[in-house]
Amino acid sequence: MSINESLEKTYSSYISDLNDFSLKFKTQNLHGPLLIRVKKYLDEPLKLMCVGQETYGWDQSSSIKDQLNSYEGFNFGSNYKSTPFWNVIRKVESALGVSPYSIAWSNLNRFDQDVGAPVGAVLEEVEQFDCILKKEIEILKPDVCIFFTNHKYDNRLMGMYKGLVFEDIEGLPPTHFSKLTHPTLPKITIRAPHPKTIRIQSWEKSFMEYIKKIA
């Protein structure tokens, strides 16, 4: 079974729950679920996966096929060069020698709420789908995985990976940047702030210097 077939099989096993979730919160203007399909990623010598927090608006279809087509059409922000998230991703790709638009990208929150972060009951219940992200990482087997999830979601990561170890990264602000260690995570796994925060706090230069070192 191919990687994309394995991903689609995983989504098929959860689609009923995902659709029930959308229906339960139909008045909350949810977008998603984000479902992923990779192509160029499969041919890269070094495989990079980036995990964000949530989409900023997205397809609201309940169809797996529609969501996969939307993901493919979005092409890793190829039309969003001016946004901090995708601008920093482009720099990370370059620093690691990864071809542009050849990564795997997912989000911790499978849905966004009203074109923003989930809150209240939606935030409390969207956590049930963290297992999908864990399965995606297991299937995709990236060499480098960067969680741009900020420390506010560390409890979610620890829930996904029991015994997860956070280590400070020399040259980067502690708490905000951590190297993650767990038997089922890639050897190089990093938890970092959202790229917008990295840029606002003037941490981008130091962060990119670190990425170049691990290359």
Protein backbone atom coordinates (compact mmCIF):
# COMPACT_ATOMS: atom_id res chain seq x y z
CA MET A 1 0.00 0.00 0.00
CA SER A 2 1.39 3.41 -0.98
CA ILE A 3 1.81 6.29 1.46
CA ASN A 4 -1.15 8.17 0.00
CA GLU A 5 -3.30 5.06 0.11
CA SER A 6 -2.37 4.59 3.76
CA LEU A 7 -3.26 8.20 4.51
CA GLU A 8 -6.60 7.91 2.75
CA LYS A 9 -7.36 4.67 4.57
CA THR A 10 -6.69 6.46 7.86
CA TYR A 11 -9.00 9.32 6.91
CA SER A 12 -11.70 6.88 5.89
CA SER A 13 -11.63 5.34 9.36
CA TYR A 14 -12.19 8.75 10.97
CA ILE A 15 -14.41 10.54 8.46
CA SER A 16 -17.66 9.67 10.25
CA ASP A 17 -16.35 11.15 13.51
CA LEU A 18 -14.98 14.19 11.69
CA ASN A 19 -18.32 14.82 10.02
CA ASP A 20 -20.19 14.34 13.31
CA PHE A 21 -17.87 16.93 14.85
CA SER A 22 -18.60 19.38 12.03
CA LEU A 23 -22.32 18.82 12.44
CA LYS A 24 -22.18 19.26 16.21
CA PHE A 25 -20.51 22.64 15.82
CA LYS A 26 -22.23 23.72 12.60
CA THR A 27 -22.99 27.18 14.03
CA GLN A 28 -19.29 27.81 14.77
CA ASN A 29 -18.15 28.31 11.15
CA LEU A 30 -15.65 25.46 11.13
CA HIS A 31 -13.27 24.94 8.20
CA GLY A 32 -11.81 21.54 7.52
CA PRO A 33 -10.97 18.83 8.17
CA LEU A 34 -7.49 19.28 6.78
CA LEU A 35 -6.52 16.03 5.03
CA ILE A 36 -3.22 15.63 3.24
CA ARG A 37 -1.84 14.10 0.07
CA VAL A 38 1.84 14.18 -0.89
CA LYS A 39 3.64 13.91 -4.23
CA LYS A 40 7.02 15.62 -4.56
CA TYR A 41 7.72 14.84 -0.90
CA LEU A 42 8.10 11.19 -1.81
CA ASP A 43 11.09 11.90 -4.07
CA GLU A 44 13.05 14.14 -1.70
CA PRO A 45 16.30 12.73 -0.24
CA LEU A 46 15.53 14.55 3.00
CA LYS A 47 11.87 14.50 3.95
CA LEU A 48 10.57 17.55 5.81
CA MET A 49 7.23 17.72 7.61
CA CYS A 50 5.89 20.96 9.07
CA VAL A 51 2.97 21.03 11.50
CA GLY A 52 1.04 24.24 12.07
CA GLN A 53 -1.73 25.09 14.49
CA GLU A 54 -4.79 25.42 12.24
CA THR A 55 -5.83 26.68 8.83
CA TYR A 56 -6.86 30.27 8.18
CA GLY A 57 -10.03 29.37 6.35
CA TRP A 58 -10.29 26.19 4.31
CA ASP A 59 -12.60 23.89 2.37
CA GLN A 60 -15.71 23.00 4.39
CA SER A 61 -16.56 19.87 2.41
CA SER A 62 -17.25 16.59 4.22
CA SER A 63 -15.81 14.65 1.27
CA ILE A 64 -12.35 13.09 1.62
CA LYS A 65 -11.80 13.50 -2.12
CA ASP A 66 -12.69 17.21 -2.01
CA GLN A 67 -10.40 17.83 0.95
CA LEU A 68 -7.48 16.01 -0.67
CA ASN A 69 -7.99 17.97 -3.89
CA SER A 70 -8.07 21.24 -1.92
CA TYR A 71 -4.84 20.31 -0.18
CA GLU A 72 -3.14 19.48 -3.46
CA GLY A 73 -4.41 22.65 -5.10
CA PHE A 74 -3.16 24.80 -2.22
CA ASN A 75 0.36 23.50 -2.94
CA PHE A 76 1.93 24.45 0.37
CA GLY A 77 1.18 28.14 0.12
CA SER A 78 2.66 28.66 -3.33
CA ASN A 79 0.42 31.73 -3.72
CA TYR A 80 1.10 33.03 -0.20
CA LYS A 81 4.73 34.11 -0.40
CA SER A 82 4.17 37.24 1.71
CA THR A 83 2.75 35.44 4.77
CA PRO A 84 5.20 34.76 7.62
CA PHE A 85 4.25 31.08 7.90
CA TRP A 86 4.92 30.16 4.30
CA ASN A 87 7.82 32.58 3.90
CA VAL A 88 9.65 30.92 6.79
CA ILE A 89 8.78 27.46 5.45
CA ARG A 90 10.39 28.41 2.13
CA LYS A 91 13.56 29.41 4.01
CA VAL A 92 13.55 26.15 5.97
CA GLU A 93 13.19 24.18 2.72
CA SER A 94 16.14 26.03 1.22
CA ALA A 95 18.31 25.61 4.32
CA LEU A 96 17.70 21.86 4.35
CA GLY A 97 18.13 21.41 0.60
CA VAL A 98 14.49 20.47 0.10
CA SER A 99 12.94 21.42 -3.23
CA PRO A 100 10.27 24.16 -2.96
CA TYR A 101 6.75 22.87 -2.34
CA SER A 102 8.01 19.34 -1.67
CA ILE A 103 7.19 18.99 2.01
CA ALA A 104 4.41 17.38 3.99
CA TRP A 105 2.26 19.84 5.92
CA SER A 106 -0.38 19.19 8.52
CA ASN A 107 -1.96 20.94 11.50
CA LEU A 108 -2.47 20.06 15.13
CA ASN A 109 -6.05 21.36 15.03
CA ARG A 110 -7.86 19.46 12.30
CA PHE A 111 -10.34 22.36 11.95
CA ASP A 112 -10.16 26.10 12.31
CA GLN A 113 -13.01 28.02 13.92
CA ASP A 114 -14.28 31.16 12.21
CA VAL A 115 -10.97 31.47 10.32
CA GLY A 116 -8.93 31.30 13.50
CA ALA A 117 -7.93 29.15 16.45
CA PRO A 118 -10.53 26.85 18.03
CA VAL A 119 -11.85 28.10 21.36
CA GLY A 120 -14.21 26.91 24.07
CA ALA A 121 -15.97 23.62 23.47
CA VAL A 122 -14.52 23.31 19.95
CA LEU A 123 -10.98 23.51 21.34
CA GLU A 124 -11.80 21.02 24.08
CA GLU A 125 -13.18 18.46 21.65
CA VAL A 126 -10.95 18.90 18.60
CA GLU A 127 -8.18 17.24 20.62
CA GLN A 128 -9.85 13.89 19.96
CA PHE A 129 -8.41 14.02 16.43
CA ASP A 130 -4.77 14.46 17.49
CA CYS A 131 -4.41 10.73 16.82
CA ILE A 132 -4.80 11.50 13.11
CA LEU A 133 -1.70 13.70 13.16
CA LYS A 134 0.21 11.02 15.03
CA LYS A 135 -0.80 8.50 12.37
CA GLU A 136 0.20 10.89 9.55
CA ILE A 137 3.70 11.22 11.01
CA GLU A 138 3.92 7.44 11.38
CA ILE A 139 2.97 6.95 7.73
CA LEU A 140 5.05 9.77 6.26
CA LYS A 141 8.22 8.99 8.25
CA PRO A 142 9.83 12.44 7.87
CA ASP A 143 13.52 12.93 8.54
CA VAL A 144 12.85 16.34 10.05
CA CYS A 145 9.59 17.34 11.71
CA ILE A 146 8.92 20.87 12.94
CA PHE A 147 5.90 21.58 15.11
CA PHE A 148 5.15 25.29 14.75
CA THR A 149 2.61 24.88 17.53
CA ASN A 150 4.03 27.15 20.23
CA HIS A 151 4.37 26.04 23.85
CA LYS A 152 0.65 26.63 24.50
CA TYR A 153 -0.08 23.25 22.90
CA ASP A 154 2.67 21.28 24.63
CA ASN A 155 0.09 19.42 26.68
CA ARG A 156 -1.46 18.14 23.44
CA LEU A 157 1.92 16.90 22.21
CA MET A 158 2.57 15.19 25.53
CA GLY A 159 -0.83 13.56 25.27
CA MET A 160 0.07 12.20 21.84
CA TYR A 161 3.52 11.00 22.87
CA LYS A 162 3.72 9.66 26.41
CA GLY A 163 7.12 10.36 27.94
CA LEU A 164 7.93 13.10 25.40
CA VAL A 165 11.15 14.92 26.35
CA PHE A 166 11.63 18.67 25.74
CA GLU A 167 15.20 19.93 25.56
CA ASP A 168 16.39 23.53 25.21
CA ILE A 169 18.15 24.43 21.97
CA GLU A 170 21.42 26.31 22.36
CA GLY A 171 21.19 29.79 20.88
CA LEU A 172 17.39 29.91 20.88
CA PRO A 173 15.07 31.21 23.64
CA PRO A 174 14.18 28.42 26.09
CA THR A 175 10.50 27.54 26.47
CA HIS A 176 9.80 28.92 23.00
CA PHE A 177 12.05 26.49 21.10
CA SER A 178 12.60 22.87 22.07
CA LYS A 179 14.11 19.72 20.62
CA LEU A 180 11.63 16.88 21.09
CA THR A 181 12.73 13.34 21.82
CA HIS A 182 10.50 10.28 21.68
CA PRO A 183 11.05 6.76 20.31
CA THR A 184 8.35 7.18 17.66
CA LEU A 185 9.28 10.68 16.49
CA PRO A 186 11.95 11.52 13.90
CA LYS A 187 15.46 11.95 15.30
CA ILE A 188 15.25 15.64 14.42
CA THR A 189 11.99 16.97 15.80
CA ILE A 190 11.60 20.59 16.86
CA ARG A 191 8.80 22.50 18.55
CA ALA A 192 8.86 26.19 17.68
CA PRO A 193 6.59 29.23 17.86
CA HIS A 194 4.41 30.21 14.93
CA PRO A 195 6.61 31.81 12.23
CA LYS A 196 4.78 35.12 12.72
CA THR A 197 5.92 35.12 16.34
CA ILE A 198 9.44 34.13 15.29
CA ARG A 199 9.53 37.13 12.99
CA ILE A 200 7.95 39.62 15.40
CA GLN A 201 10.34 38.61 18.18
CA SER A 202 13.37 38.86 15.86
CA TRP A 203 14.22 35.18 16.36
CA GLU A 204 14.24 34.32 12.67
CA LYS A 205 17.99 34.75 12.08
CA SER A 206 18.92 32.52 15.04
CA PHE A 207 16.31 29.95 14.09
CA MET A 208 17.54 29.72 10.51
CA GLU A 209 21.15 29.42 11.68
CA TYR A 210 20.09 26.43 13.76
CA ILE A 211 18.22 24.86 10.83
CA LYS A 212 21.33 25.22 8.67
CA LYS A 213 23.37 23.43 11.32
CA ILE A 214 21.09 20.42 11.37
CA ALA A 215 21.20 20.22 7.58
